[in-house]
Amino acid sequence: MDREAYDPAEMKGSATESRPRAAIANLGCKVNLAEMGAVERMLLGRGAQLVDLDEPADLVIVNTCAVTAVADRKSRQMLRRVRRASPNAAVFVTGCSVAVNSGPFARADPSARLYGTGSKAALADDVAAHLDSHTDSAAQVLQDGGSALGRSDCAFGRTRAFVKVQDGCSFRCTYCLIPTVRGEERSMPADGVLDEIRLALAEGHREVVLTGINVGSYSDGDVTLPRLVRRILEETSVERVRLSSVEPQHVTSELLDVWADSGDRCLPHFHVPLQSGDDTILRRMGRRYDTAYYAALIERVRRTSPGAAVHADLIVGFPGEDEAAWSRTAEFLSSLDLAGVHVFRYSPRPGTPAARMIGRVDATTQKRRAAEALTLAADAAAKFACRQLGRDMRVLFEGRLPDGRWLGHAESHVLVAAPAPDERPLHNAICVVRAESIDPDAADRIAGRVVV
């Protein structure tokens, strides 16, 4: 979670000292981020002050992830970390990893309160009740008269709002545990999504990211994802709309037409999971496309949205992936000219079909292939950044580097660093930046100059 939202230096005094101290640990996907954003607003609205994870807190919420065995392990480590930092805190643990197997969390911290993914409403109620029972009169003043203040604290520290529009998945890829823990696909009412976006804009957010477990399956009556985005553009003043990960078969001509007709409000950035560049492995994974379909889709994206950045996900070491299959994947990945790739090593998840498949790839081979994939990903990101040189980009600045330069994302999601003209703060500002060079500290980051 972005902790720039809270600045203790701005909130000193007896009222601040009496406010309950709360921290949020968030692991995993942007859906988790959106869910914890709502919890954060509730904490602030009830008079809590947000602190960093390593600071003592009265209340800590840990949102876990189970997409891989590594994510499971990190989730348990996070619970132990927050308990060390706040030995007397009330700790609430939720998310997919708890839903899969709560036992290790109960053993790691017997006093923690555990909530599966189907108990998010109960979590919110219990956190609210805990805060209400531990809030004294000074903090109650903040609650009664400071809900808007709390939202302002939260909003202007962050620049992008993650809005959850959909949950669950019905695709049942053979490696994936998420449909089991998140359930079948279900969508948020379109009117509710618009209300969330209006709230985010009122709080000062400049960009909205639409998130979901399978966001492309969004459906509220006759409102599909493309129609939802059209309504957002027509009925709100949002400046920038971005999608989180969207499955290849959901990047339809209708969706691309919305992007083309948006007047640059829909950003030229698509995260389209690939998972493998070998057709046999894609079939074993239960994916609903082949490499020819994926390659043709990327070309359609670029024709409709010239210069668009396309990011992908890749799983290496899936059962049955021999050296020939891996070679085909590496070759295919190189041919796509992507802007970035998220690389995961396959890990068997309990109860999934892939966990029972023969042809398991040993850990040493997985590690080698992951390293090769990461090299390809780094090269692709660096080449994409180089192609932006000499261009003017609209950058939403989100934070500051140790050397004093401001850092933000361009429309294509590429990171851009630039000094502020006249030393004025650029946080949450959208500026036109001339891309002048590759940052010497990061091959995939642009160093630029603010021109407007």
Protein backbone atom coordinates (compact mmCIF):
# COMPACT_ATOMS: atom_id res chain seq x y z
CA MET A 1 0.00 0.00 0.00
CA ASP A 2 1.09 3.55 -0.67
CA ARG A 3 1.95 5.12 2.63
CA GLU A 4 2.52 8.65 1.33
CA ALA A 5 -1.10 9.27 2.28
CA TYR A 6 -0.18 9.73 5.92
CA ASP A 7 2.25 12.33 7.17
CA PRO A 8 2.66 12.22 10.97
CA ALA A 9 4.38 15.61 10.93
CA GLU A 10 1.16 17.24 9.78
CA MET A 11 -1.00 15.70 12.50
CA LYS A 12 0.76 16.32 15.82
CA GLY A 13 -1.10 17.23 19.00
CA SER A 14 -3.25 15.66 21.65
CA ALA A 15 -5.96 14.55 19.22
CA THR A 16 -3.45 12.70 17.03
CA GLU A 17 -1.78 11.07 20.02
CA SER A 18 -5.13 9.68 21.20
CA ARG A 19 -6.09 8.26 17.81
CA PRO A 20 -5.78 4.48 17.35
CA ARG A 21 -2.74 3.60 15.25
CA ALA A 22 -3.46 1.24 12.35
CA ALA A 23 -1.28 -0.43 9.71
CA ILE A 24 -2.13 -2.38 6.56
CA ALA A 25 0.04 -5.09 5.00
CA ASN A 26 -1.10 -5.92 1.49
CA LEU A 27 0.28 -8.71 -0.68
CA GLY A 28 -0.76 -9.86 -4.11
CA CYS A 29 -2.85 -8.45 -6.91
CA LYS A 30 -4.45 -5.08 -7.62
CA VAL A 31 -7.79 -6.48 -6.47
CA ASN A 32 -6.26 -6.86 -3.01
CA LEU A 33 -5.02 -3.30 -3.31
CA ALA A 34 -8.50 -2.04 -4.18
CA GLU A 35 -10.06 -3.96 -1.30
CA MET A 36 -7.57 -2.59 1.20
CA GLY A 37 -8.08 0.91 -0.18
CA ALA A 38 -11.70 0.68 0.95
CA VAL A 39 -10.59 -0.57 4.37
CA GLU A 40 -8.10 2.28 4.61
CA ARG A 41 -10.84 4.84 3.98
CA MET A 42 -12.92 3.21 6.69
CA LEU A 43 -10.01 3.36 9.16
CA LEU A 44 -9.44 7.03 8.47
CA GLY A 45 -13.13 7.81 8.62
CA ARG A 46 -13.30 6.26 12.09
CA GLY A 47 -10.48 8.41 13.42
CA ALA A 48 -7.52 6.03 13.08
CA GLN A 49 -4.10 7.24 12.00
CA LEU A 50 -2.17 5.11 9.51
CA VAL A 51 1.40 4.15 10.29
CA ASP A 52 4.09 2.11 8.58
CA LEU A 53 4.23 -1.62 9.16
CA ASP A 54 7.39 -1.49 11.26
CA GLU A 55 5.95 1.12 13.62
CA PRO A 56 4.01 0.04 16.73
CA ALA A 57 0.30 -0.10 15.97
CA ASP A 58 -2.89 -0.82 17.88
CA LEU A 59 -4.47 -2.61 14.93
CA VAL A 60 -2.95 -4.34 11.90
CA ILE A 61 -4.68 -5.84 8.86
CA VAL A 62 -2.76 -8.40 6.77
CA ASN A 63 -4.18 -9.19 3.32
CA THR A 64 -2.59 -12.38 2.01
CA CYS A 65 -2.00 -13.95 -1.41
CA ALA A 66 -1.97 -17.59 -2.55
CA VAL A 67 -1.19 -17.34 -6.25
CA THR A 68 2.09 -19.23 -5.72
CA ALA A 69 3.78 -21.14 -2.91
CA VAL A 70 6.17 -18.20 -2.60
CA ALA A 71 3.20 -15.87 -2.04
CA ASP A 72 1.92 -18.21 0.68
CA ARG A 73 5.30 -18.13 2.39
CA LYS A 74 5.58 -14.35 2.15
CA SER A 75 2.10 -14.00 3.63
CA ARG A 76 3.10 -16.01 6.71
CA GLN A 77 6.34 -14.07 6.99
CA MET A 78 4.39 -10.83 6.88
CA LEU A 79 2.19 -11.96 9.76
CA ARG A 80 5.25 -12.73 11.89
CA ARG A 81 6.81 -9.38 10.93
CA VAL A 82 3.81 -7.31 11.99
CA ARG A 83 3.49 -9.22 15.26
CA ARG A 84 7.14 -8.46 16.09
CA ALA A 85 6.56 -4.77 15.36
CA SER A 86 3.27 -4.61 17.29
CA PRO A 87 3.21 -7.37 19.94
CA ASN A 88 0.06 -6.02 21.59
CA ALA A 89 -1.92 -5.17 18.46
CA ALA A 90 -5.20 -6.65 17.36
CA VAL A 91 -4.19 -8.43 14.13
CA PHE A 92 -6.76 -9.27 11.44
CA VAL A 93 -5.62 -11.62 8.65
CA THR A 94 -7.61 -12.10 5.45
CA GLY A 95 -7.15 -13.02 1.79
CA CYS A 96 -6.60 -16.02 -0.41
CA SER A 97 -3.80 -17.69 1.53
CA VAL A 98 -5.91 -17.82 4.68
CA ALA A 99 -8.82 -19.22 2.67
CA VAL A 100 -6.63 -21.99 1.24
CA ASN A 101 -5.11 -23.07 4.55
CA SER A 102 -5.64 -21.14 7.75
CA GLY A 103 -3.68 -23.60 9.91
CA PRO A 104 -0.18 -22.13 9.39
CA PHE A 105 -1.49 -18.66 10.23
CA ALA A 106 -3.18 -19.86 13.39
CA ARG A 107 0.04 -21.54 14.45
CA ALA A 108 2.18 -18.52 13.55
CA ASP A 109 -0.02 -16.20 15.60
CA PRO A 110 -2.69 -17.88 17.74
CA SER A 111 -4.17 -14.51 18.74
CA ALA A 112 -4.69 -13.29 15.16
CA ARG A 113 -8.25 -13.19 13.83
CA LEU A 114 -8.55 -15.05 10.52
CA TYR A 115 -11.00 -14.29 7.68
CA GLY A 116 -11.31 -16.08 4.33
CA THR A 117 -12.10 -14.32 1.08
CA GLY A 118 -15.83 -14.88 1.67
CA SER A 119 -15.68 -13.06 5.01
CA LYS A 120 -14.57 -9.59 3.88
CA ALA A 121 -17.83 -8.05 5.14
CA ALA A 122 -17.35 -9.65 8.55
CA LEU A 123 -13.77 -8.40 8.59
CA ALA A 124 -14.88 -4.83 7.93
CA ASP A 125 -17.56 -5.06 10.63
CA ASP A 126 -15.15 -6.49 13.20
CA VAL A 127 -12.45 -3.92 12.44
CA ALA A 128 -15.00 -1.12 12.75
CA ALA A 129 -16.31 -2.53 16.03
CA HIS A 130 -12.78 -2.86 17.40
CA LEU A 131 -12.00 0.74 16.50
CA ASP A 132 -15.25 2.01 17.97
CA SER A 133 -14.58 0.22 21.23
CA HIS A 134 -11.05 1.64 21.50
CA THR A 135 -11.70 5.21 20.37
CA ASP A 136 -11.68 7.85 23.12
CA SER A 137 -13.46 11.19 23.07
CA ALA A 138 -10.69 13.07 21.28
CA ALA A 139 -10.60 10.56 18.44
CA GLN A 140 -14.39 10.52 18.38
CA VAL A 141 -14.30 14.21 17.55
CA LEU A 142 -12.22 13.32 14.49
CA GLN A 143 -14.70 10.60 13.58
CA ASP A 144 -17.74 12.83 13.88
CA GLY A 145 -16.29 15.85 12.13
CA GLY A 146 -13.31 14.43 10.34
CA SER A 147 -14.51 11.84 7.88
CA ALA A 148 -13.83 14.20 5.01
CA LEU A 149 -10.49 15.10 6.57
CA GLY A 150 -9.60 11.43 6.76
CA ARG A 151 -10.44 10.90 3.10
CA SER A 152 -8.36 13.91 2.19
CA ASP A 153 -5.42 12.48 4.13
CA CYS A 154 -5.79 9.26 2.19
CA ALA A 155 -6.49 10.63 -1.24
CA PHE A 156 -3.93 13.29 -1.77
CA GLY A 157 -1.12 10.98 -0.74
CA ARG A 158 -2.08 8.70 -3.59
CA THR A 159 -2.49 9.50 -7.24
CA ARG A 160 -4.14 6.43 -8.75
CA ALA A 161 -7.38 4.91 -7.48
CA PHE A 162 -7.80 1.14 -7.82
CA VAL A 163 -11.50 0.46 -8.32
CA LYS A 164 -12.68 -3.14 -8.04
CA VAL A 165 -15.38 -3.82 -10.63
CA GLN A 166 -15.46 -7.62 -10.60
CA ASP A 167 -14.52 -10.63 -8.46
CA GLY A 168 -14.18 -14.37 -8.99
CA CYS A 169 -13.30 -16.41 -12.06
CA SER A 170 -14.94 -19.25 -13.99
CA PHE A 171 -12.04 -20.07 -16.33
CA ARG A 172 -10.52 -22.85 -14.24
CA CYS A 173 -6.98 -22.81 -15.63
CA THR A 174 -5.38 -26.03 -14.44
CA TYR A 175 -2.68 -24.33 -12.35
CA CYS A 176 -4.85 -21.73 -10.65
CA LEU A 177 -6.31 -21.85 -7.16
CA ILE A 178 -8.07 -18.48 -7.34
CA PRO A 179 -11.48 -19.74 -8.63
CA THR A 180 -11.62 -22.05 -5.61
CA VAL A 181 -10.95 -19.31 -3.07
CA ARG A 182 -12.64 -16.37 -4.85
CA GLY A 183 -15.63 -18.22 -6.29
CA GLU A 184 -17.57 -17.77 -9.51
CA GLU A 185 -17.53 -14.54 -11.51
CA ARG A 186 -19.66 -11.71 -10.20
CA SER A 187 -19.67 -8.04 -11.11
CA MET A 188 -20.26 -4.85 -9.18
CA PRO A 189 -23.30 -2.79 -10.24
CA ALA A 190 -22.30 -0.24 -12.86
CA ASP A 191 -23.89 2.60 -10.89
CA GLY A 192 -21.84 1.60 -7.84
CA VAL A 193 -18.64 1.61 -9.89
CA LEU A 194 -19.43 5.11 -11.12
CA ASP A 195 -20.07 6.23 -7.54
CA GLU A 196 -16.69 4.83 -6.47
CA ILE A 197 -14.97 6.68 -9.29
CA ARG A 198 -16.72 9.95 -8.41
CA LEU A 199 -15.58 9.53 -4.82
CA ALA A 200 -12.02 8.89 -5.97
CA LEU A 201 -12.09 12.03 -8.12
CA ALA A 202 -13.49 14.07 -5.24
CA GLU A 203 -10.59 12.82 -3.12
CA GLY A 204 -8.13 14.12 -5.69
CA HIS A 205 -7.15 11.03 -7.65
CA ARG A 206 -6.05 11.75 -11.22
CA GLU A 207 -6.14 8.21 -12.61
CA VAL A 208 -8.48 5.25 -12.16
CA VAL A 209 -7.37 1.62 -12.58
CA LEU A 210 -10.24 -0.82 -13.09
CA THR A 211 -9.43 -4.09 -11.37
CA GLY A 212 -10.92 -7.56 -11.03
CA ILE A 213 -9.89 -11.19 -10.84
CA ASN A 214 -11.16 -11.58 -14.42
CA VAL A 215 -12.00 -7.98 -15.27
CA GLY A 216 -12.86 -8.67 -18.91
CA SER A 217 -15.82 -10.82 -17.86
CA TYR A 218 -17.54 -7.79 -16.33
CA SER A 219 -21.32 -7.91 -16.86
CA ASP A 220 -24.09 -5.94 -15.20
CA GLY A 221 -27.17 -6.67 -17.27
CA ASP A 222 -26.31 -5.42 -20.74
CA VAL A 223 -23.34 -3.41 -19.44
CA THR A 224 -20.17 -5.20 -20.49
CA LEU A 225 -16.65 -3.95 -19.80
CA PRO A 226 -16.50 -1.78 -22.97
CA ARG A 227 -19.90 -0.27 -22.16
CA LEU A 228 -18.86 0.31 -18.55
CA VAL A 229 -15.79 2.23 -19.71
CA ARG A 230 -17.94 4.29 -22.10
CA ARG A 231 -20.23 5.19 -19.21
CA ILE A 232 -17.23 6.17 -17.10
CA LEU A 233 -15.99 8.47 -19.86
CA GLU A 234 -19.45 9.97 -20.48
CA GLU A 235 -20.62 10.35 -16.88
CA THR A 236 -17.46 11.30 -14.96
CA SER A 237 -14.62 13.75 -15.44
CA VAL A 238 -11.89 11.14 -14.95
CA GLU A 239 -8.69 12.15 -16.74
CA ARG A 240 -6.99 8.77 -17.10
CA VAL A 241 -8.46 5.25 -17.22
CA ARG A 242 -6.28 2.17 -17.10
CA LEU A 243 -7.11 -1.54 -16.94
CA SER A 244 -5.42 -4.09 -14.77
CA SER A 245 -4.74 -7.52 -16.26
CA VAL A 246 -7.24 -8.53 -18.97
CA GLU A 247 -7.43 -11.96 -20.59
CA PRO A 248 -6.57 -12.19 -24.34
CA GLN A 249 -10.07 -13.26 -25.40
CA HIS A 250 -11.54 -10.22 -23.62
CA VAL A 251 -9.48 -7.70 -25.61
CA THR A 252 -12.26 -7.40 -28.18
CA SER A 253 -12.68 -5.04 -31.09
CA GLU A 254 -15.38 -3.25 -29.10
CA LEU A 255 -12.97 -2.67 -26.19
CA LEU A 256 -10.24 -1.43 -28.52
CA ASP A 257 -12.73 0.92 -30.20
CA VAL A 258 -13.51 2.45 -26.81
CA TRP A 259 -9.81 3.10 -26.32
CA ALA A 260 -9.48 4.64 -29.79
CA ASP A 261 -12.51 6.90 -29.24
CA SER A 262 -11.61 8.06 -25.72
CA GLY A 263 -9.66 11.18 -26.64
CA ASP A 264 -6.56 9.74 -24.94
CA ARG A 265 -8.37 9.36 -21.61
CA CYS A 266 -8.03 5.56 -21.90
CA LEU A 267 -4.32 4.94 -21.59
CA PRO A 268 -2.30 2.98 -24.20
CA HIS A 269 -1.29 0.22 -21.83
CA PHE A 270 -2.57 -3.37 -21.83
CA HIS A 271 -1.54 -6.14 -19.46
CA VAL A 272 -2.45 -9.35 -21.31
CA PRO A 273 -1.37 -12.64 -19.64
CA LEU A 274 0.50 -15.04 -21.92
CA GLN A 275 1.69 -17.77 -19.49
CA SER A 276 3.47 -19.85 -22.15
CA GLY A 277 4.70 -19.51 -25.69
CA ASP A 278 4.18 -23.20 -26.48
CA ASP A 279 0.78 -24.36 -27.71
CA THR A 280 0.96 -27.77 -26.05
CA ILE A 281 1.70 -26.20 -22.68
CA LEU A 282 -1.11 -23.67 -23.19
CA ARG A 283 -3.54 -26.55 -23.72
CA ARG A 284 -2.24 -28.33 -20.60
CA MET A 285 -2.73 -25.09 -18.69
CA GLY A 286 -6.34 -24.88 -19.85
CA ARG A 287 -5.74 -21.52 -21.53
CA ARG A 288 -8.31 -20.51 -24.16
CA TYR A 289 -6.04 -19.36 -26.98
CA ASP A 290 -2.89 -20.39 -28.83
CA THR A 291 0.23 -18.46 -29.75
CA ALA A 292 -1.10 -17.48 -33.18
CA TYR A 293 -4.19 -15.91 -31.56
CA TYR A 294 -2.06 -14.07 -29.02
CA ALA A 295 0.37 -12.70 -31.62
CA ALA A 296 -2.50 -11.52 -33.84
CA LEU A 297 -4.12 -9.85 -30.84
CA ILE A 298 -0.98 -7.88 -30.03
CA GLU A 299 -0.86 -6.66 -33.63
CA ARG A 300 -4.52 -5.55 -33.42
CA VAL A 301 -3.78 -3.67 -30.20
CA ARG A 302 -0.91 -1.83 -31.85
CA ARG A 303 -2.92 -0.98 -34.96
CA THR A 304 -5.71 0.47 -32.85
CA SER A 305 -3.47 2.12 -30.27
CA PRO A 306 -0.11 2.93 -31.92
CA GLY A 307 2.77 2.90 -29.50
CA ALA A 308 0.77 1.05 -26.85
CA ALA A 309 2.69 -0.79 -24.17
CA VAL A 310 1.79 -4.46 -23.80
CA HIS A 311 2.84 -6.34 -20.68
CA ALA A 312 2.47 -10.09 -20.16
CA ASP A 313 2.65 -12.75 -17.47
CA LEU A 314 4.72 -15.90 -17.94
CA ILE A 315 4.83 -19.15 -15.97
CA VAL A 316 8.04 -21.14 -16.37
CA GLY A 317 8.54 -24.79 -15.50
CA PHE A 318 4.93 -25.95 -15.92
CA PRO A 319 4.57 -29.78 -15.93
CA GLY A 320 5.46 -31.12 -19.35
CA GLU A 321 7.58 -28.11 -20.33
CA ASP A 322 10.65 -29.83 -21.81
CA GLU A 323 13.61 -28.00 -23.33
CA ALA A 324 11.98 -27.83 -26.76
CA ALA A 325 8.83 -26.29 -25.30
CA TRP A 326 10.89 -23.79 -23.30
CA SER A 327 12.88 -22.84 -26.40
CA ARG A 328 9.66 -22.18 -28.31
CA THR A 329 8.41 -20.02 -25.42
CA ALA A 330 11.61 -17.99 -25.27
CA GLU A 331 11.59 -17.49 -29.04
CA PHE A 332 7.92 -16.48 -29.06
CA LEU A 333 8.43 -14.09 -26.15
CA SER A 334 11.29 -12.39 -27.97
CA SER A 335 9.19 -11.99 -31.12
CA LEU A 336 6.42 -10.02 -29.40
CA ASP A 337 8.40 -6.86 -28.63
CA LEU A 338 6.66 -6.44 -25.28
CA ALA A 339 7.07 -3.55 -22.84
CA GLY A 340 7.45 -5.84 -19.84
CA VAL A 341 6.93 -9.37 -18.54
CA HIS A 342 6.07 -10.64 -15.06
CA VAL A 343 7.81 -14.00 -14.58
CA PHE A 344 6.61 -16.70 -12.19
CA ARG A 345 8.03 -20.11 -11.45
CA TYR A 346 5.31 -22.75 -11.47
CA SER A 347 4.42 -24.11 -8.07
CA PRO A 348 1.74 -26.79 -7.52
CA ARG A 349 -1.32 -25.44 -5.73
CA PRO A 350 -3.35 -27.87 -3.64
CA GLY A 351 -6.37 -29.35 -5.37
CA THR A 352 -5.60 -28.05 -8.87
CA PRO A 353 -5.38 -30.45 -11.86
CA ALA A 354 -1.83 -29.36 -12.66
CA ALA A 355 -0.66 -30.53 -9.24
CA ARG A 356 -1.45 -34.10 -10.35
CA MET A 357 0.19 -33.86 -13.78
CA ILE A 358 3.24 -35.89 -14.76
CA GLY A 359 6.33 -34.26 -16.21
CA ARG A 360 7.26 -32.14 -13.20
CA VAL A 361 10.17 -29.77 -13.93
CA ASP A 362 12.90 -29.83 -11.29
CA ALA A 363 13.70 -26.73 -9.23
CA THR A 364 17.14 -26.19 -10.75
CA THR A 365 15.73 -26.15 -14.28
CA GLN A 366 12.90 -23.87 -13.20
CA LYS A 367 15.37 -21.44 -11.67
CA ARG A 368 17.50 -21.39 -14.83
CA ARG A 369 14.52 -20.78 -17.10
CA ALA A 370 13.20 -18.06 -14.82
CA ALA A 371 16.57 -16.30 -14.98
CA GLU A 372 16.53 -16.54 -18.79
CA ALA A 373 12.97 -15.20 -18.88
CA LEU A 374 13.85 -12.32 -16.57
CA THR A 375 16.73 -11.40 -18.87
CA LEU A 376 14.36 -11.36 -21.84
CA ALA A 377 11.91 -9.27 -19.82
CA ALA A 378 14.57 -6.76 -18.80
CA ASP A 379 15.77 -6.43 -22.40
CA ALA A 380 12.21 -5.89 -23.63
CA ALA A 381 11.52 -3.20 -21.01
CA ALA A 382 14.78 -1.42 -21.79
CA LYS A 383 14.08 -1.46 -25.54
CA PHE A 384 10.59 -0.09 -24.98
CA ALA A 385 11.99 2.72 -22.86
CA CYS A 386 14.54 3.55 -25.55
CA ARG A 387 11.78 3.89 -28.14
CA GLN A 388 10.22 6.68 -26.07
CA LEU A 389 13.27 8.95 -26.28
CA GLY A 390 12.62 12.30 -27.89
CA ARG A 391 8.88 12.10 -27.26
CA ASP A 392 6.70 14.28 -25.08
CA MET A 393 4.75 12.21 -22.55
CA ARG A 394 2.08 13.09 -20.03
CA VAL A 395 3.40 11.85 -16.70
CA LEU A 396 1.45 11.49 -13.47
CA PHE A 397 4.01 12.09 -10.72
CA GLU A 398 3.58 9.89 -7.67
CA GLY A 399 6.69 10.13 -5.51
CA ARG A 400 10.21 11.40 -5.11
CA LEU A 401 13.56 9.67 -5.59
CA PRO A 402 16.40 10.03 -3.07
CA ASP A 403 18.23 12.35 -5.49
CA GLY A 404 15.31 14.79 -5.39
CA ARG A 405 13.82 14.03 -8.80
CA TRP A 406 10.12 13.25 -9.08
CA LEU A 407 8.98 9.85 -10.34
CA GLY A 408 5.78 8.90 -12.13
CA HIS A 409 4.13 6.85 -14.83
CA ALA A 410 3.60 7.98 -18.40
CA GLU A 411 0.47 6.97 -20.29
CA SER A 412 2.24 3.78 -21.42
CA HIS A 413 3.07 2.97 -17.77
CA VAL A 414 6.80 3.47 -18.37
CA LEU A 415 8.48 5.10 -15.37
CA VAL A 416 9.79 8.63 -15.86
CA ALA A 417 12.03 10.67 -13.54
CA ALA A 418 12.38 14.44 -13.81
CA PRO A 419 13.41 17.37 -11.62
CA ALA A 420 10.75 19.85 -10.66
CA PRO A 421 10.96 23.27 -12.35
CA ASP A 422 11.59 25.96 -9.76
CA GLU A 423 11.61 23.27 -7.06
CA ARG A 424 7.82 23.23 -6.92
CA PRO A 425 6.30 19.97 -5.65
CA LEU A 426 4.97 17.72 -8.40
CA HIS A 427 3.10 15.14 -6.35
CA ASN A 428 -0.21 14.26 -8.04
CA ALA A 429 0.57 16.61 -10.95
CA ILE A 430 0.21 15.58 -14.59
CA CYS A 431 2.99 17.20 -16.59
CA VAL A 432 4.27 17.01 -20.14
CA VAL A 433 7.78 15.61 -19.95
CA ARG A 434 10.35 15.47 -22.76
CA ALA A 435 12.03 12.04 -22.72
CA GLU A 436 15.72 12.90 -23.00
CA SER A 437 17.71 9.83 -21.96
CA ILE A 438 17.66 6.48 -20.23
CA ASP A 439 18.12 6.89 -16.49
CA PRO A 440 21.63 5.72 -15.55
CA ASP A 441 20.18 4.11 -12.41
CA ALA A 442 17.55 1.99 -14.23
CA ALA A 443 17.64 0.72 -17.80
CA ASP A 444 13.83 0.66 -18.06
CA ARG A 445 13.33 4.18 -16.69
CA ILE A 446 13.39 7.45 -18.60
CA ALA A 447 15.10 10.62 -17.46
CA GLY A 448 13.28 13.67 -18.72
CA ARG A 449 12.56 17.37 -18.40
CA VAL A 450 9.22 18.96 -17.56
CA VAL A 451 8.17 21.20 -20.45
CA VAL A 452 4.57 21.97 -19.43
